[in-house]
Amino acid sequence: MSKDKLLDLGLKLPVMEEFYSLQGEGYHTGEAAYFIRVGGCDVGCHWCDVKESWNADTHPAIATDEIIERAVAYPGKAVIVTGGEPLNYKLDYLCEQLQFKGIKTFLETSGSLPMSGNWDWICLSPKQNIPPLAANFLLAGELKIIISEEADFEWAESNAAKVSADCLLYLQPEWSKRNEMMPKIIDYVMNHPKWRISLQSHKYMRIP
């Protein structure tokens, strides 16, 4: 147990940022939601666009009740917990209290750590350097694979074979390679129609 027992219990979380916006990716694209981005990640994707979230020590832990109070103040009734890697922390209390207040809970995770929290939706985005735990594949409502090179299509299929039959499958171009990879993704989805395309539409809309 760390020096901060409240952090260990999920009663505090190291939050990098919180904001109200629209989900830009995957199944819930276009839906209003309150975003909670926690600090701390040991996956370390080279193309990550929020590398400042990696070091949890730079994001002081704050009371989870304060986070919840801010989240429920907005008209959208969904909260998206992202990172960093949210599963570094115990998220049961956060989910329980949000759902008690009528808020849906959505998780975005690499799945590399044991699951915590009771989620209305889980977006699993596996990373090759630290793949998901086997148990997390069957919990995913959607599987989102980032495509930055041709070899990623094979990686996508290897992960698709591990999720449940009703899990939605998405291919998303890595932002800096989008112009190069988009034609290949379009062609791939047309030939493998079990997949859908996810875009970082919030970047096109120029919203957070």
C-alpha atoms as a PDB file:
ATOM      1  CA  MET A   1       0.000   0.000   0.000  1.00  0.00           C
ATOM      2  CA  SER A   2       1.256   3.476  -0.861  1.00  0.00           C
ATOM      3  CA  LYS A   3       1.666   6.340   1.581  1.00  0.00           C
ATOM      4  CA  ASP A   4      -1.712   7.703   0.466  1.00  0.00           C
ATOM      5  CA  LYS A   5      -4.350   5.201   1.600  1.00  0.00           C
ATOM      6  CA  LEU A   6      -7.140   7.268   0.038  1.00  0.00           C
ATOM      7  CA  LEU A   7      -5.452   6.829  -3.347  1.00  0.00           C
ATOM      8  CA  ASP A   8      -5.194   3.077  -2.779  1.00  0.00           C
ATOM      9  CA  LEU A   9      -8.911   2.938  -1.998  1.00  0.00           C
ATOM     10  CA  GLY A  10      -9.889   5.012  -5.019  1.00  0.00           C
ATOM     11  CA  LEU A  11     -11.093   7.860  -2.830  1.00  0.00           C
ATOM     12  CA  LYS A  12      -8.510  10.105  -4.493  1.00  0.00           C
ATOM     13  CA  LEU A  13      -7.245  10.050  -8.081  1.00  0.00           C
ATOM     14  CA  PRO A  14      -4.315  11.811  -9.805  1.00  0.00           C
ATOM     15  CA  VAL A  15      -6.227  13.748 -12.440  1.00  0.00           C
ATOM     16  CA  MET A  16      -4.362  15.401 -15.288  1.00  0.00           C
ATOM     17  CA  GLU A  17      -7.461  17.159 -16.618  1.00  0.00           C
ATOM     18  CA  GLU A  18     -11.253  17.190 -16.540  1.00  0.00           C
ATOM     19  CA  PHE A  19     -13.491  18.736 -19.177  1.00  0.00           C
ATOM     20  CA  TYR A  20     -16.943  18.556 -20.737  1.00  0.00           C
ATOM     21  CA  SER A  21     -16.958  17.884 -24.462  1.00  0.00           C
ATOM     22  CA  LEU A  22     -18.065  15.418 -27.147  1.00  0.00           C
ATOM     23  CA  GLN A  23     -16.653  11.941 -27.559  1.00  0.00           C
ATOM     24  CA  GLY A  24     -14.670  11.998 -30.778  1.00  0.00           C
ATOM     25  CA  GLU A  25     -13.872   8.304 -31.285  1.00  0.00           C
ATOM     26  CA  GLY A  26     -15.481   4.893 -31.542  1.00  0.00           C
ATOM     27  CA  TYR A  27     -19.037   3.799 -30.769  1.00  0.00           C
ATOM     28  CA  HIS A  28     -20.047   6.881 -28.758  1.00  0.00           C
ATOM     29  CA  THR A  29     -18.750   9.432 -31.277  1.00  0.00           C
ATOM     30  CA  GLY A  30     -20.691  12.682 -31.036  1.00  0.00           C
ATOM     31  CA  GLU A  31     -22.076  12.010 -27.568  1.00  0.00           C
ATOM     32  CA  ALA A  32     -21.734  14.674 -24.881  1.00  0.00           C
ATOM     33  CA  ALA A  33     -19.671  13.466 -21.926  1.00  0.00           C
ATOM     34  CA  TYR A  34     -17.527  14.591 -19.037  1.00  0.00           C
ATOM     35  CA  PHE A  35     -13.923  13.447 -19.501  1.00  0.00           C
ATOM     36  CA  ILE A  36     -11.678  12.461 -16.610  1.00  0.00           C
ATOM     37  CA  ARG A  37      -8.070  11.932 -17.656  1.00  0.00           C
ATOM     38  CA  VAL A  38      -6.002  10.307 -14.926  1.00  0.00           C
ATOM     39  CA  GLY A  39      -2.231  10.508 -14.779  1.00  0.00           C
ATOM     40  CA  GLY A  40       0.081   7.541 -14.840  1.00  0.00           C
ATOM     41  CA  CYS A  41       0.900   5.119 -17.676  1.00  0.00           C
ATOM     42  CA  ASP A  42       3.579   2.483 -18.138  1.00  0.00           C
ATOM     43  CA  VAL A  43       2.466   1.429 -21.632  1.00  0.00           C
ATOM     44  CA  GLY A  44       4.212   4.379 -23.293  1.00  0.00           C
ATOM     45  CA  CYS A  45       3.021   4.366 -26.918  1.00  0.00           C
ATOM     46  CA  HIS A  46       5.454   6.362 -29.050  1.00  0.00           C
ATOM     47  CA  TRP A  47       2.590   8.058 -30.904  1.00  0.00           C
ATOM     48  CA  CYS A  48       0.628   8.997 -27.769  1.00  0.00           C
ATOM     49  CA  ASP A  49      -0.739  12.549 -28.046  1.00  0.00           C
ATOM     50  CA  VAL A  50      -0.947  13.035 -24.266  1.00  0.00           C
ATOM     51  CA  LYS A  51       2.521  12.001 -23.118  1.00  0.00           C
ATOM     52  CA  GLU A  52       2.215  14.561 -20.323  1.00  0.00           C
ATOM     53  CA  SER A  53      -0.203  12.134 -18.683  1.00  0.00           C
ATOM     54  CA  TRP A  54       2.424   9.398 -18.229  1.00  0.00           C
ATOM     55  CA  ASN A  55       4.019  10.588 -14.989  1.00  0.00           C
ATOM     56  CA  ALA A  56       1.421  10.377 -12.226  1.00  0.00           C
ATOM     57  CA  ASP A  57       3.679  12.326  -9.844  1.00  0.00           C
ATOM     58  CA  THR A  58       3.097  15.500 -11.860  1.00  0.00           C
ATOM     59  CA  HIS A  59      -0.661  15.256 -11.280  1.00  0.00           C
ATOM     60  CA  PRO A  60      -1.516  15.595  -7.579  1.00  0.00           C
ATOM     61  CA  ALA A  61      -4.257  13.284  -6.319  1.00  0.00           C
ATOM     62  CA  ILE A  62      -7.568  14.993  -5.591  1.00  0.00           C
ATOM     63  CA  ALA A  63     -10.674  13.761  -3.805  1.00  0.00           C
ATOM     64  CA  THR A  64     -12.844  11.510  -5.974  1.00  0.00           C
ATOM     65  CA  ASP A  65     -15.960  13.099  -4.461  1.00  0.00           C
ATOM     66  CA  GLU A  66     -14.855  16.465  -5.845  1.00  0.00           C
ATOM     67  CA  ILE A  67     -14.439  14.947  -9.319  1.00  0.00           C
ATOM     68  CA  ILE A  68     -17.899  13.403  -9.123  1.00  0.00           C
ATOM     69  CA  GLU A  69     -19.460  16.682  -7.999  1.00  0.00           C
ATOM     70  CA  ARG A  70     -18.029  18.474 -11.023  1.00  0.00           C
ATOM     71  CA  ALA A  71     -19.074  15.714 -13.419  1.00  0.00           C
ATOM     72  CA  VAL A  72     -22.721  15.645 -12.399  1.00  0.00           C
ATOM     73  CA  ALA A  73     -23.057  19.410 -12.809  1.00  0.00           C
ATOM     74  CA  TYR A  74     -23.137  19.119 -16.617  1.00  0.00           C
ATOM     75  CA  PRO A  75     -26.192  18.218 -18.708  1.00  0.00           C
ATOM     76  CA  GLY A  76     -24.528  15.204 -20.372  1.00  0.00           C
ATOM     77  CA  LYS A  77     -25.084  12.039 -18.347  1.00  0.00           C
ATOM     78  CA  ALA A  78     -21.979  10.092 -19.311  1.00  0.00           C
ATOM     79  CA  VAL A  79     -18.451  10.112 -17.925  1.00  0.00           C
ATOM     80  CA  ILE A  80     -15.457   8.867 -19.909  1.00  0.00           C
ATOM     81  CA  VAL A  81     -12.458   7.816 -17.837  1.00  0.00           C
ATOM     82  CA  THR A  82      -9.250   7.808 -19.839  1.00  0.00           C
ATOM     83  CA  GLY A  83      -5.549   8.371 -19.310  1.00  0.00           C
ATOM     84  CA  GLY A  84      -2.796   7.623 -19.040  1.00  0.00           C
ATOM     85  CA  GLU A  85      -3.907   4.164 -18.043  1.00  0.00           C
ATOM     86  CA  PRO A  86      -6.924   4.371 -15.725  1.00  0.00           C
ATOM     87  CA  LEU A  87      -6.567   0.804 -14.473  1.00  0.00           C
ATOM     88  CA  ASN A  88      -3.532   1.849 -12.473  1.00  0.00           C
ATOM     89  CA  TYR A  89      -6.137   2.857  -9.877  1.00  0.00           C
ATOM     90  CA  LYS A  90      -9.075   1.339  -8.026  1.00  0.00           C
ATOM     91  CA  LEU A  91     -12.119   2.764  -9.790  1.00  0.00           C
ATOM     92  CA  ASP A  92     -14.972   0.989  -7.996  1.00  0.00           C
ATOM     93  CA  TYR A  93     -15.936   3.966  -5.838  1.00  0.00           C
ATOM     94  CA  LEU A  94     -15.904   6.388  -8.773  1.00  0.00           C
ATOM     95  CA  CYS A  95     -18.185   4.152 -10.859  1.00  0.00           C
ATOM     96  CA  GLU A  96     -20.500   3.335  -7.982  1.00  0.00           C
ATOM     97  CA  GLN A  97     -21.108   6.965  -7.061  1.00  0.00           C
ATOM     98  CA  LEU A  98     -21.517   8.167 -10.643  1.00  0.00           C
ATOM     99  CA  GLN A  99     -24.028   5.436 -11.441  1.00  0.00           C
ATOM    100  CA  PHE A 100     -25.910   6.162  -8.210  1.00  0.00           C
ATOM    101  CA  LYS A 101     -26.352   9.697  -9.536  1.00  0.00           C
ATOM    102  CA  GLY A 102     -27.635   8.462 -12.906  1.00  0.00           C
ATOM    103  CA  ILE A 103     -24.384   8.864 -14.839  1.00  0.00           C
ATOM    104  CA  LYS A 104     -23.218   6.206 -17.317  1.00  0.00           C
ATOM    105  CA  THR A 105     -19.574   5.177 -16.944  1.00  0.00           C
ATOM    106  CA  PHE A 106     -17.339   4.575 -19.957  1.00  0.00           C
ATOM    107  CA  LEU A 107     -13.739   3.343 -19.722  1.00  0.00           C
ATOM    108  CA  GLU A 108     -10.936   3.712 -22.263  1.00  0.00           C
ATOM    109  CA  THR A 109      -8.075   1.342 -21.480  1.00  0.00           C
ATOM    110  CA  SER A 110      -5.245  -0.691 -22.924  1.00  0.00           C
ATOM    111  CA  GLY A 111      -6.420  -3.539 -20.699  1.00  0.00           C
ATOM    112  CA  SER A 112      -2.897  -4.249 -19.490  1.00  0.00           C
ATOM    113  CA  LEU A 113      -3.894  -4.295 -15.813  1.00  0.00           C
ATOM    114  CA  PRO A 114      -6.620  -6.033 -13.779  1.00  0.00           C
ATOM    115  CA  MET A 115     -10.085  -4.538 -14.198  1.00  0.00           C
ATOM    116  CA  SER A 116     -11.673  -2.398 -11.501  1.00  0.00           C
ATOM    117  CA  GLY A 117     -14.944  -0.507 -11.532  1.00  0.00           C
ATOM    118  CA  ASN A 118     -18.385  -1.421 -12.847  1.00  0.00           C
ATOM    119  CA  TRP A 119     -18.631  -0.012 -16.369  1.00  0.00           C
ATOM    120  CA  ASP A 120     -21.530   0.616 -18.715  1.00  0.00           C
ATOM    121  CA  TRP A 121     -19.091   0.473 -21.632  1.00  0.00           C
ATOM    122  CA  ILE A 122     -15.464  -0.512 -22.058  1.00  0.00           C
ATOM    123  CA  CYS A 123     -13.355   0.532 -25.033  1.00  0.00           C
ATOM    124  CA  LEU A 124     -10.331  -1.761 -25.203  1.00  0.00           C
ATOM    125  CA  SER A 125      -7.396  -0.390 -27.194  1.00  0.00           C
ATOM    126  CA  PRO A 126      -4.587  -2.969 -27.022  1.00  0.00           C
ATOM    127  CA  LYS A 127      -0.954  -1.931 -27.288  1.00  0.00           C
ATOM    128  CA  GLN A 128       1.723  -4.282 -28.582  1.00  0.00           C
ATOM    129  CA  ASN A 129       4.433  -3.487 -26.030  1.00  0.00           C
ATOM    130  CA  ILE A 130       2.153  -4.431 -23.090  1.00  0.00           C
ATOM    131  CA  PRO A 131      -0.837  -6.454 -24.406  1.00  0.00           C
ATOM    132  CA  PRO A 132      -4.135  -6.770 -22.533  1.00  0.00           C
ATOM    133  CA  LEU A 133      -4.721  -9.363 -19.841  1.00  0.00           C
ATOM    134  CA  ALA A 134      -6.718 -12.286 -21.219  1.00  0.00           C
ATOM    135  CA  ALA A 135      -9.672 -11.643 -18.901  1.00  0.00           C
ATOM    136  CA  ASN A 136     -10.144  -8.098 -20.185  1.00  0.00           C
ATOM    137  CA  PHE A 137     -10.866  -9.084 -23.783  1.00  0.00           C
ATOM    138  CA  LEU A 138     -14.269 -10.524 -22.905  1.00  0.00           C
ATOM    139  CA  LEU A 139     -15.287  -7.363 -21.017  1.00  0.00           C
ATOM    140  CA  ALA A 140     -14.914  -5.041 -24.013  1.00  0.00           C
ATOM    141  CA  GLY A 141     -17.908  -3.476 -25.725  1.00  0.00           C
ATOM    142  CA  GLU A 142     -15.617  -2.215 -28.447  1.00  0.00           C
ATOM    143  CA  LEU A 143     -12.131  -3.059 -29.632  1.00  0.00           C
ATOM    144  CA  LYS A 144     -10.213  -0.104 -31.062  1.00  0.00           C
ATOM    145  CA  ILE A 145      -6.955  -0.775 -32.881  1.00  0.00           C
ATOM    146  CA  ILE A 146      -4.688   2.120 -33.841  1.00  0.00           C
ATOM    147  CA  ILE A 147      -3.250   1.684 -37.320  1.00  0.00           C
ATOM    148  CA  SER A 148       0.102   3.339 -37.964  1.00  0.00           C
ATOM    149  CA  GLU A 149       1.636   0.795 -40.360  1.00  0.00           C
ATOM    150  CA  GLU A 150       0.640  -2.185 -42.500  1.00  0.00           C
ATOM    151  CA  ALA A 151       1.621  -4.736 -39.840  1.00  0.00           C
ATOM    152  CA  ASP A 152      -1.048  -3.332 -37.526  1.00  0.00           C
ATOM    153  CA  PHE A 153      -3.793  -5.023 -39.536  1.00  0.00           C
ATOM    154  CA  GLU A 154      -2.424  -8.413 -38.510  1.00  0.00           C
ATOM    155  CA  TRP A 155      -2.256  -7.189 -34.895  1.00  0.00           C
ATOM    156  CA  ALA A 156      -5.880  -6.086 -35.198  1.00  0.00           C
ATOM    157  CA  GLU A 157      -7.011  -9.526 -36.319  1.00  0.00           C
ATOM    158  CA  SER A 158      -5.104 -11.278 -33.550  1.00  0.00           C
ATOM    159  CA  ASN A 159      -6.955  -9.175 -30.982  1.00  0.00           C
ATOM    160  CA  ALA A 160     -10.333  -9.504 -32.697  1.00  0.00           C
ATOM    161  CA  ALA A 161     -10.056 -13.266 -32.257  1.00  0.00           C
ATOM    162  CA  LYS A 162     -10.016 -12.815 -28.452  1.00  0.00           C
ATOM    163  CA  VAL A 163     -13.034 -10.572 -27.839  1.00  0.00           C
ATOM    164  CA  SER A 164     -16.662 -11.643 -27.526  1.00  0.00           C
ATOM    165  CA  ALA A 165     -18.784 -12.188 -30.625  1.00  0.00           C
ATOM    166  CA  ASP A 166     -20.840  -9.027 -29.984  1.00  0.00           C
ATOM    167  CA  CYS A 167     -17.841  -6.726 -29.433  1.00  0.00           C
ATOM    168  CA  LEU A 168     -17.709  -3.919 -31.997  1.00  0.00           C
ATOM    169  CA  LEU A 169     -14.468  -3.733 -33.986  1.00  0.00           C
ATOM    170  CA  TYR A 170     -12.842  -0.427 -34.965  1.00  0.00           C
ATOM    171  CA  LEU A 171      -9.739   0.543 -36.900  1.00  0.00           C
ATOM    172  CA  GLN A 172      -8.472   4.067 -36.256  1.00  0.00           C
ATOM    173  CA  PRO A 173      -5.616   5.775 -38.094  1.00  0.00           C
ATOM    174  CA  GLU A 174      -2.816   7.106 -35.939  1.00  0.00           C
ATOM    175  CA  TRP A 175      -3.225  10.860 -36.296  1.00  0.00           C
ATOM    176  CA  SER A 176       0.199  11.698 -37.730  1.00  0.00           C
ATOM    177  CA  LYS A 177      -0.176   8.890 -40.309  1.00  0.00           C
ATOM    178  CA  ARG A 178      -3.827   9.487 -41.154  1.00  0.00           C
ATOM    179  CA  ASN A 179      -3.274  10.658 -44.732  1.00  0.00           C
ATOM    180  CA  GLU A 180      -1.063   7.669 -45.473  1.00  0.00           C
ATOM    181  CA  MET A 181      -3.096   5.019 -43.676  1.00  0.00           C
ATOM    182  CA  MET A 182      -6.673   6.095 -44.340  1.00  0.00           C
ATOM    183  CA  PRO A 183      -6.880   4.725 -47.906  1.00  0.00           C
ATOM    184  CA  LYS A 184      -5.488   1.413 -46.654  1.00  0.00           C
ATOM    185  CA  ILE A 185      -7.964   1.291 -43.783  1.00  0.00           C
ATOM    186  CA  ILE A 186     -10.872   2.056 -46.122  1.00  0.00           C
ATOM    187  CA  ASP A 187      -9.791  -0.744 -48.440  1.00  0.00           C
ATOM    188  CA  TYR A 188      -9.321  -3.135 -45.532  1.00  0.00           C
ATOM    189  CA  VAL A 189     -12.772  -2.465 -44.066  1.00  0.00           C
ATOM    190  CA  MET A 190     -14.409  -2.885 -47.448  1.00  0.00           C
ATOM    191  CA  ASN A 191     -12.774  -6.311 -47.722  1.00  0.00           C
ATOM    192  CA  HIS A 192     -13.259  -7.208 -44.050  1.00  0.00           C
ATOM    193  CA  PRO A 193     -16.677  -5.690 -43.208  1.00  0.00           C
ATOM    194  CA  LYS A 194     -16.732  -6.921 -39.618  1.00  0.00           C
ATOM    195  CA  TRP A 195     -14.547  -3.844 -38.961  1.00  0.00           C
ATOM    196  CA  ARG A 196     -15.660  -0.219 -38.781  1.00  0.00           C
ATOM    197  CA  ILE A 197     -13.607   2.965 -39.074  1.00  0.00           C
ATOM    198  CA  SER A 198     -13.085   5.233 -36.060  1.00  0.00           C
ATOM    199  CA  LEU A 199     -11.796   8.771 -36.552  1.00  0.00           C
ATOM    200  CA  GLN A 200     -10.489  11.292 -34.062  1.00  0.00           C
ATOM    201  CA  SER A 201     -13.382  13.498 -35.099  1.00  0.00           C
ATOM    202  CA  HIS A 202     -12.824  15.911 -32.208  1.00  0.00           C
ATOM    203  CA  LYS A 203      -9.581  16.980 -33.876  1.00  0.00           C
ATOM    204  CA  TYR A 204     -11.387  17.682 -37.131  1.00  0.00           C
ATOM    205  CA  MET A 205     -14.032  19.630 -35.174  1.00  0.00           C
ATOM    206  CA  ARG A 206     -11.300  21.410 -33.201  1.00  0.00           C
ATOM    207  CA  ILE A 207     -12.797  20.646 -29.817  1.00  0.00           C
ATOM    208  CA  PRO A 208     -11.004  19.203 -26.729  1.00  0.00           C
END
